[in-house]
Protein backbone atom coordinates (compact mmCIF):
# COMPACT_ATOMS: atom_id res chain seq x y z
CA MET A 1 120.27 77.75 102.41
CA ALA A 2 118.85 81.01 101.07
CA ASP A 3 115.14 81.71 101.39
CA ILE A 4 113.15 81.80 98.17
CA PRO A 5 110.10 84.10 98.18
CA VAL A 6 106.92 82.48 96.86
CA TYR A 7 104.05 84.47 95.38
CA LEU A 8 100.83 82.45 95.18
CA VAL A 9 98.16 83.43 92.65
CA ALA A 10 94.88 81.73 93.55
CA GLY A 11 91.33 81.59 92.23
CA PHE A 12 89.09 79.60 89.93
CA LEU A 13 89.10 79.32 86.13
CA ASP A 14 88.43 82.61 84.33
CA GLY A 15 89.20 84.53 87.50
CA GLY A 16 91.97 86.53 85.85
CA LYS A 17 95.04 84.81 87.30
CA THR A 18 96.95 84.47 84.02
CA ASN A 19 96.17 88.04 82.98
CA PHE A 20 97.53 89.27 86.30
CA ILE A 21 100.71 87.21 85.92
CA ASN A 22 101.22 88.51 82.38
CA GLY A 23 100.77 92.04 83.68
CA ILE A 24 103.38 91.84 86.43
CA LEU A 25 105.85 90.02 84.16
CA GLU A 26 105.44 92.68 81.47
CA ASP A 27 105.99 95.34 84.15
CA GLY A 28 109.35 93.80 85.02
CA PHE A 29 108.60 91.50 87.96
CA ALA A 30 111.21 88.99 86.70
CA ARG A 31 113.57 91.46 85.05
CA LYS A 32 116.28 91.23 87.74
CA ASP A 33 115.62 87.95 89.54
CA ARG A 34 115.53 84.53 87.91
CA THR A 35 111.95 83.31 88.32
CA LEU A 36 110.30 79.90 88.36
CA LEU A 37 106.64 79.97 87.32
CA ILE A 38 104.70 76.86 88.36
CA CYS A 39 101.47 76.55 86.37
CA CYS A 40 98.89 74.29 88.03
CA GLU A 41 95.93 75.27 85.89
CA GLU A 42 95.75 76.00 82.17
CA GLY A 43 92.87 78.19 81.03
CA GLU A 44 92.10 79.98 77.80
CA GLU A 45 94.70 82.69 78.39
CA GLU A 46 98.37 81.96 77.77
CA TYR A 47 101.54 83.49 79.17
CA ASN A 48 103.00 86.22 77.01
CA PRO A 49 106.23 84.74 75.58
CA ARG A 50 107.78 88.22 75.31
CA ALA A 51 107.68 88.53 79.10
CA LEU A 52 109.32 85.17 79.84
CA ASP A 53 112.98 86.05 79.16
CA ASN A 54 114.05 85.49 82.74
CA VAL A 55 111.28 83.01 83.60
CA THR A 56 111.19 79.22 83.52
CA VAL A 57 107.68 77.78 83.24
CA VAL A 58 106.87 74.29 84.53
CA THR A 59 103.45 72.66 84.46
CA VAL A 60 101.76 70.42 87.02
CA GLU A 61 98.60 68.69 85.81
CA ASP A 62 97.77 66.44 88.77
CA GLU A 63 97.67 67.54 92.39
CA GLU A 64 99.60 64.50 93.60
CA ASP A 65 102.50 65.50 91.33
CA LEU A 66 102.94 68.77 93.22
CA LYS A 67 105.18 67.61 96.07
CA CYS A 68 108.12 68.85 98.04
CA SER A 69 110.67 66.58 96.36
CA GLN A 70 109.68 67.90 92.93
CA LEU A 71 109.99 71.51 94.06
CA LYS A 72 113.43 70.83 95.49
CA ALA A 73 114.45 69.20 92.20
CA TRP A 74 113.33 72.30 90.29
CA GLU A 75 115.20 74.50 92.73
CA LYS A 76 118.39 72.55 92.08
CA GLN A 77 117.86 72.52 88.31
CA TYR A 78 116.71 76.11 87.67
CA LYS A 79 118.16 77.96 90.71
CA PRO A 80 115.31 80.49 90.97
CA LYS A 81 115.55 83.60 93.09
CA GLN A 82 111.75 83.79 93.36
CA VAL A 83 108.75 81.59 92.57
CA LEU A 84 105.30 82.33 91.14
CA ILE A 85 102.61 79.69 91.51
CA GLU A 86 99.39 79.85 89.50
CA TYR A 87 97.39 77.53 91.72
CA ASN A 88 94.52 75.29 90.66
CA GLY A 89 91.26 76.55 92.11
CA MET A 90 90.05 73.02 92.81
CA TRP A 91 93.07 72.14 94.97
CA GLN A 92 93.08 72.82 98.69
CA MET A 93 95.66 75.35 99.77
CA GLU A 94 96.33 73.80 103.17
CA ARG A 95 98.17 70.87 101.59
CA LEU A 96 100.47 73.32 99.83
CA TYR A 97 101.37 74.99 103.14
CA ARG A 98 101.78 71.81 105.18
CA GLU A 99 103.27 69.28 102.77
CA VAL A 100 104.51 70.82 99.55
CA LEU A 101 106.52 74.00 100.08
CA PRO A 102 110.15 73.33 101.11
CA ALA A 103 111.26 74.95 104.37
CA ASN A 104 113.28 77.63 102.57
CA TRP A 105 110.41 78.52 100.21
CA VAL A 106 108.81 81.40 102.10
CA LEU A 107 105.25 82.33 101.21
CA TYR A 108 105.45 86.11 100.75
CA GLN A 109 102.05 86.95 99.33
CA ILE A 110 98.76 85.29 98.40
CA MET A 111 96.75 87.00 95.67
CA THR A 112 93.22 85.77 94.95
CA PHE A 113 91.28 86.65 91.80
CA VAL A 114 87.55 86.07 91.39
CA GLN A 115 85.26 86.68 88.44
CA ALA A 116 82.48 88.65 90.10
CA SER A 117 79.66 87.02 88.17
CA THR A 118 80.66 83.52 89.30
CA PHE A 119 81.31 84.28 92.97
CA GLU A 120 77.84 83.40 94.26
CA LEU A 121 77.80 80.14 92.29
CA TYR A 122 81.19 79.01 93.57
CA ALA A 123 80.41 80.17 97.11
CA LYS A 124 77.19 78.17 97.12
CA ASN A 125 78.52 74.97 95.57
CA MET A 126 82.17 74.98 96.67
CA GLY A 127 82.05 77.18 99.73
CA GLN A 128 85.04 75.73 101.56
CA LEU A 129 87.32 75.96 98.51
CA MET A 130 86.19 79.50 97.80
CA MET A 131 86.41 80.72 101.39
CA GLU A 132 89.91 79.39 102.04
CA LYS A 133 91.19 81.42 99.10
CA ILE A 134 89.49 84.54 100.45
CA ILE A 135 90.42 83.98 104.09
CA ASN A 136 94.12 83.53 103.29
CA ALA A 137 94.47 86.30 100.71
CA ASP A 138 96.70 89.34 101.15
CA LEU A 139 95.23 90.81 97.96
CA LEU A 140 91.69 90.02 96.79
CA VAL A 141 90.40 91.22 93.43
CA PHE A 142 86.88 90.78 92.02
CA ASN A 143 87.00 91.51 88.30
CA ARG A 144 84.45 92.16 85.54
CA CYS A 145 82.11 93.85 88.03
CA THR A 146 78.89 95.49 86.94
CA PRO A 147 77.39 98.15 89.24
CA GLU A 148 74.90 95.52 90.42
CA LEU A 149 77.61 92.95 91.19
CA ARG A 150 79.73 95.60 92.91
CA ASP A 151 76.86 96.53 95.23
CA ALA A 152 76.05 92.87 95.91
CA LEU A 153 79.66 92.11 96.85
CA ARG A 154 79.78 95.07 99.21
CA GLY A 155 76.54 93.85 100.71
CA ARG A 156 78.16 90.50 101.53
CA ASN A 157 80.51 92.20 104.01
CA LEU A 158 83.52 90.16 102.95
CA ARG A 159 85.64 92.16 105.36
CA MET A 160 84.07 89.87 107.95
CA VAL A 161 85.98 86.98 106.40
CA ASN A 162 89.31 88.71 105.92
CA ARG A 163 90.09 92.03 107.58
CA ARG A 164 93.76 91.88 106.54
CA ALA A 165 93.44 91.80 102.76
CA ASP A 166 93.44 94.70 100.36
CA ILE A 167 90.20 94.18 98.42
CA TYR A 168 89.47 95.75 95.05
CA LEU A 169 86.54 95.71 92.66
CA GLU A 170 87.54 95.97 89.01
CA MET A 171 84.73 97.24 86.83
CA GLU A 172 83.98 96.14 83.29
CA ASP A 173 85.26 99.48 81.97
CA GLY A 174 88.70 98.81 83.46
CA THR A 175 88.40 101.15 86.44
CA SER A 176 89.07 99.85 89.94
CA GLU A 177 87.45 100.68 93.27
CA ASP A 178 88.46 99.92 96.84
CA TYR A 179 85.99 97.50 98.41
CA LEU A 180 85.46 99.97 101.26
CA THR A 181 84.92 103.62 100.47
CA GLY A 182 85.76 104.66 104.03
CA ASP A 183 82.59 106.70 104.38
CA GLU A 184 80.08 103.98 105.14
CA CYS A 185 78.48 103.91 108.58
CA PRO A 186 75.66 101.38 108.87
CA PHE A 187 74.24 102.81 112.12
CA ASP A 188 72.85 106.10 113.34
CA LEU A 189 75.55 107.41 115.65
CA ASP A 190 73.36 110.27 116.89
CA GLN A 191 71.17 107.93 118.96
CA GLU A 192 71.54 108.19 122.74
CA ILE A 193 72.03 104.40 122.79
CA ILE A 194 72.93 102.66 119.52
CA ASP A 195 70.81 99.54 119.39
CA ILE A 196 72.46 96.73 117.43
CA PRO A 197 69.77 94.38 116.03
CA ASP A 198 70.48 90.68 116.47
CA ASP A 199 70.86 90.12 112.73
CA ASP A 200 73.19 93.09 112.29
CA TYR A 201 75.90 92.16 114.78
CA GLY A 202 78.23 91.06 111.97
CA VAL A 203 77.81 94.38 110.18
CA TRP A 204 78.52 96.26 113.41
CA TYR A 205 81.53 94.08 114.26
CA VAL A 206 83.21 94.81 110.94
CA ASP A 207 82.50 98.52 111.27
CA VAL A 208 83.72 98.85 114.86
CA MET A 209 86.88 96.87 114.09
CA ASP A 210 87.63 98.98 111.01
CA HIS A 211 86.65 102.29 112.64
CA PRO A 212 86.96 101.92 116.44
CA ASP A 213 87.38 105.67 116.92
CA ARG A 214 83.98 106.19 115.32
CA TYR A 215 82.33 104.53 118.31
CA ALA A 216 84.60 105.78 121.12
CA GLY A 217 82.42 107.10 123.96
CA LYS A 218 79.19 105.86 122.34
CA LEU A 219 76.64 103.73 124.21
CA VAL A 220 75.63 100.47 122.53
CA HIS A 221 73.03 97.82 123.36
CA MET A 222 72.89 94.25 122.03
CA LYS A 223 72.54 90.52 122.71
CA LEU A 224 75.78 88.55 122.90
CA VAL A 225 77.16 85.10 123.65
CA MET A 226 79.54 85.01 126.60
CA CYS A 227 83.13 83.94 125.97
CA HIS A 228 86.06 83.87 128.39
CA SER A 229 89.38 83.94 126.56
CA LYS A 230 91.63 80.87 126.83
CA LYS A 231 94.57 82.64 125.23
CA TYR A 232 94.32 85.66 127.54
CA PRO A 233 93.22 84.39 130.99
CA GLY A 234 90.99 86.80 132.85
CA ILE A 235 89.88 88.54 129.68
CA HIS A 236 86.20 88.43 128.70
CA CYS A 237 85.31 88.65 125.00
CA PRO A 238 81.57 88.23 124.40
CA GLY A 239 80.42 88.21 120.79
CA ARG A 240 78.48 86.18 118.25
CA PHE A 241 79.02 83.23 115.95
CA ALA A 242 78.87 84.25 112.30
CA MET A 243 78.63 82.42 108.98
CA VAL A 244 79.59 84.24 105.82
CA CYS A 245 79.16 81.51 103.24
CA CYS A 246 78.56 77.99 104.53
CA GLU A 247 78.62 75.97 107.75
CA ASN A 248 82.36 75.35 107.42
CA ASP A 249 82.94 79.09 107.80
CA ILE A 250 81.30 79.58 111.21
CA THR A 251 83.64 81.62 113.43
CA PHE A 252 83.24 83.40 116.75
CA TYR A 253 83.70 87.17 116.61
CA GLY A 254 84.08 88.74 120.01
CA LEU A 255 85.22 92.03 121.53
CA ILE A 256 87.17 92.61 124.71
CA ALA A 257 84.86 93.63 127.54
CA ARG A 258 85.33 94.62 131.15
CA GLY A 259 82.99 95.43 133.99
CA GLU A 260 81.13 93.91 136.90
CA GLY A 261 79.09 90.78 136.34
CA LEU A 262 80.93 89.33 133.36
CA ASP A 263 82.51 86.56 135.43
CA GLN A 264 79.09 85.40 136.63
CA TYR A 265 78.27 83.89 133.25
CA GLU A 266 79.55 80.70 131.63
CA ASN A 267 80.83 80.34 128.08
CA ARG A 268 77.96 80.28 125.57
CA ASP A 269 75.48 81.91 127.98
CA TRP A 270 73.33 84.51 126.27
CA ILE A 271 73.54 87.98 127.76
CA GLU A 272 72.02 91.38 127.04
CA VAL A 273 74.40 94.28 127.60
CA THR A 274 74.60 98.03 127.48
CA ALA A 275 78.17 99.25 127.17
CA ARG A 276 80.21 102.37 126.59
CA MET A 277 82.76 101.89 123.83
CA ALA A 278 86.42 102.74 124.23
CA VAL A 279 89.59 102.29 122.18
CA GLU A 280 92.64 100.73 123.79
CA ASP A 281 95.84 98.86 123.00
CA HIS A 282 95.61 95.12 123.62
CA PRO A 283 97.71 92.12 122.50
CA ALA A 284 94.57 90.42 121.17
CA TYR A 285 94.24 93.24 118.63
CA LYS A 286 97.98 93.55 118.01
CA GLY A 287 97.49 97.25 118.57
CA LYS A 288 94.48 99.45 119.20
CA GLY A 289 90.98 98.02 119.16
CA PRO A 290 87.47 98.47 120.58
CA VAL A 291 86.73 97.69 124.24
CA MET A 292 83.25 97.42 125.74
CA GLU A 293 82.91 98.97 129.20
CA ILE A 294 79.86 97.09 130.48
CA LEU A 295 77.30 99.31 132.22
CA SER A 296 74.53 96.73 132.55
CA ILE A 297 74.35 93.00 131.97
CA ALA A 298 71.56 90.44 132.31
CA PRO A 299 70.70 86.95 131.03
CA CYS A 300 68.46 86.83 127.99
CA GLU A 301 66.80 84.53 125.50
CA LYS A 302 68.74 83.37 122.48
CA ALA A 303 68.48 85.41 119.33
CA ALA A 304 65.95 84.00 116.89
CA GLN A 305 68.85 83.43 114.51
CA GLU A 306 71.72 82.23 116.69
CA VAL A 307 74.33 82.43 113.95
CA VAL A 308 74.78 85.72 112.16
CA THR A 309 74.64 85.40 108.36
CA PHE A 310 75.13 87.75 105.40
């Protein structure tokens, strides 16, 4: 049975999902391949009928009606070569992955669209629903940005949540900016020892993961929580727990470390380290990544704020 690529368009109402779908259809997304468009949320915008020549649109109003047997029935009836899903922002995506998509429906890309002015509200009141759409996205677009909203979004360090996604900020005037400019460096690299404040570990982690070469050979000092890798026995990866939005989003962010004394500490012990940074290939990074060469290590008191927030 041939695989059918699935393109998932996620986000909340007024996030710009329908406009995006209209745009790619008008640009010829469905010109060659017969396309099934599954609409799970109807907003104010409508699909452009002039772009639907090779597209069959079906509507799902209730989450329980979106099930594997229905998708297989549509596959048999319409014989699509590809599928677009405009997903309801109030529905959890995990159910779609685990229960709904047939085995031969291969999820090719997840695109999440967020109206910038509503992000903080949704993140505060529906954090888990919002974060799963950001965490899983391959493409993340914040639209209708003002300069103030653009700066606030950059200040949230959303790269901490999803380092894989291409993230763009679309301004109200129609221009678009990459979420990262590539020039930012949140720390003074000219210091003899770069001291990472307890509250800024998350900022440093994102920067060193995105720009490991920037820190190669530099000395750093910080408080960390010890972690010994289960997946890679013998590998130490101290780091910090971080929360981007809500308690459901707490994740441990560690870096590979080597040096004497690391094996003397148990998981979750607090340690104070000075390390020289290096860049090496490692399976945990699926390529090159930062490595801490520990020069000094000692037990220490917990940070005043144990979980890093943004």
